[in-house]
Protein backbone atom coordinates (compact mmCIF):
# COMPACT_ATOMS: atom_id res chain seq x y z
CA MET A 1 0.00 0.00 0.00
CA GLY A 2 1.33 3.42 -0.92
CA ILE A 3 1.33 6.83 0.69
CA SER A 4 -2.09 8.46 0.48
CA ALA A 5 -2.65 12.20 0.31
CA GLU A 6 -3.82 12.09 3.93
CA MET A 7 -0.71 10.23 5.06
CA ALA A 8 1.45 12.67 3.07
CA LEU A 9 -0.12 15.54 5.02
CA ARG A 10 0.50 13.78 8.33
CA LEU A 11 4.12 12.91 7.48
CA ALA A 12 4.76 16.45 6.28
CA LYS A 13 3.52 17.93 9.55
CA ALA A 14 5.33 15.38 11.74
CA LEU A 15 8.64 15.67 9.89
CA ASN A 16 8.48 19.35 8.88
CA THR A 17 8.50 18.60 5.14
CA THR A 18 5.89 19.02 2.42
CA PRO A 19 3.12 16.65 1.35
CA GLU A 20 4.41 16.98 -2.21
CA LEU A 21 7.72 15.42 -1.14
CA TRP A 22 5.96 12.28 0.05
CA LEU A 23 3.57 12.07 -2.89
CA ASN A 24 6.41 12.59 -5.38
CA MET A 25 8.49 9.87 -3.72
CA GLN A 26 5.49 7.52 -3.88
CA GLN A 27 4.94 8.32 -7.55
CA GLN A 28 8.62 7.76 -8.37
CA TYR A 29 8.55 4.43 -6.55
CA ASP A 30 5.34 3.35 -8.31
CA LEU A 31 6.82 4.15 -11.71
CA TRP A 32 10.09 2.36 -10.90
CA GLU A 33 8.19 -0.70 -9.72
CA VAL A 34 6.15 -0.89 -12.93
CA GLU A 35 9.24 -0.35 -15.09
CA GLN A 36 10.76 -3.48 -13.51
CA ARG A 37 7.95 -5.73 -14.73
CA VAL A 38 6.40 -4.17 -17.83
CA ASN A 39 7.75 -5.06 -21.27
CA LEU A 40 7.31 -2.14 -23.69
CA GLU A 41 8.87 -3.85 -26.70
CA ASP A 42 5.46 -4.52 -28.30
CA VAL A 43 4.29 -0.90 -27.96
CA LYS A 44 4.34 0.95 -31.27
CA VAL A 45 5.27 4.63 -31.39
CA ILE A 46 2.39 6.56 -32.96
CA ILE A 47 3.86 10.07 -32.87
CA ARG A 48 6.73 10.81 -35.19
CA PRO A 49 9.85 12.52 -33.79
CA LYS A 50 9.90 16.32 -34.26
CA ALA A 51 12.52 16.24 -37.01
CA LYS A 52 10.36 13.93 -39.13
CA ARG A 53 7.24 16.02 -38.46
CA ARG A 54 9.05 19.18 -39.59
CA ALA A 55 10.29 17.47 -42.74
CA ALA A 56 6.81 16.15 -43.56
CA HIS A 57 5.30 19.57 -42.88
CA ALA A 58 7.89 21.27 -45.12
CA LEU A 59 7.16 18.82 -47.94
CA SER A 60 3.42 19.43 -47.76
CA HIS A 61 3.77 23.21 -48.15
């Protein structure tokens, strides 16, 4: 179980920090944990890189 907004407020008060510190740490941990088990190799990129978009735009004008 992660840090809730309520717990972040309580930790911030008790430890003289900010709730954002605790929520950001939780978010970073959640993302790290998912990155350890999710395989993104099958995900196709649907937005072209900026350089290719500019080139395509230039060709169409």
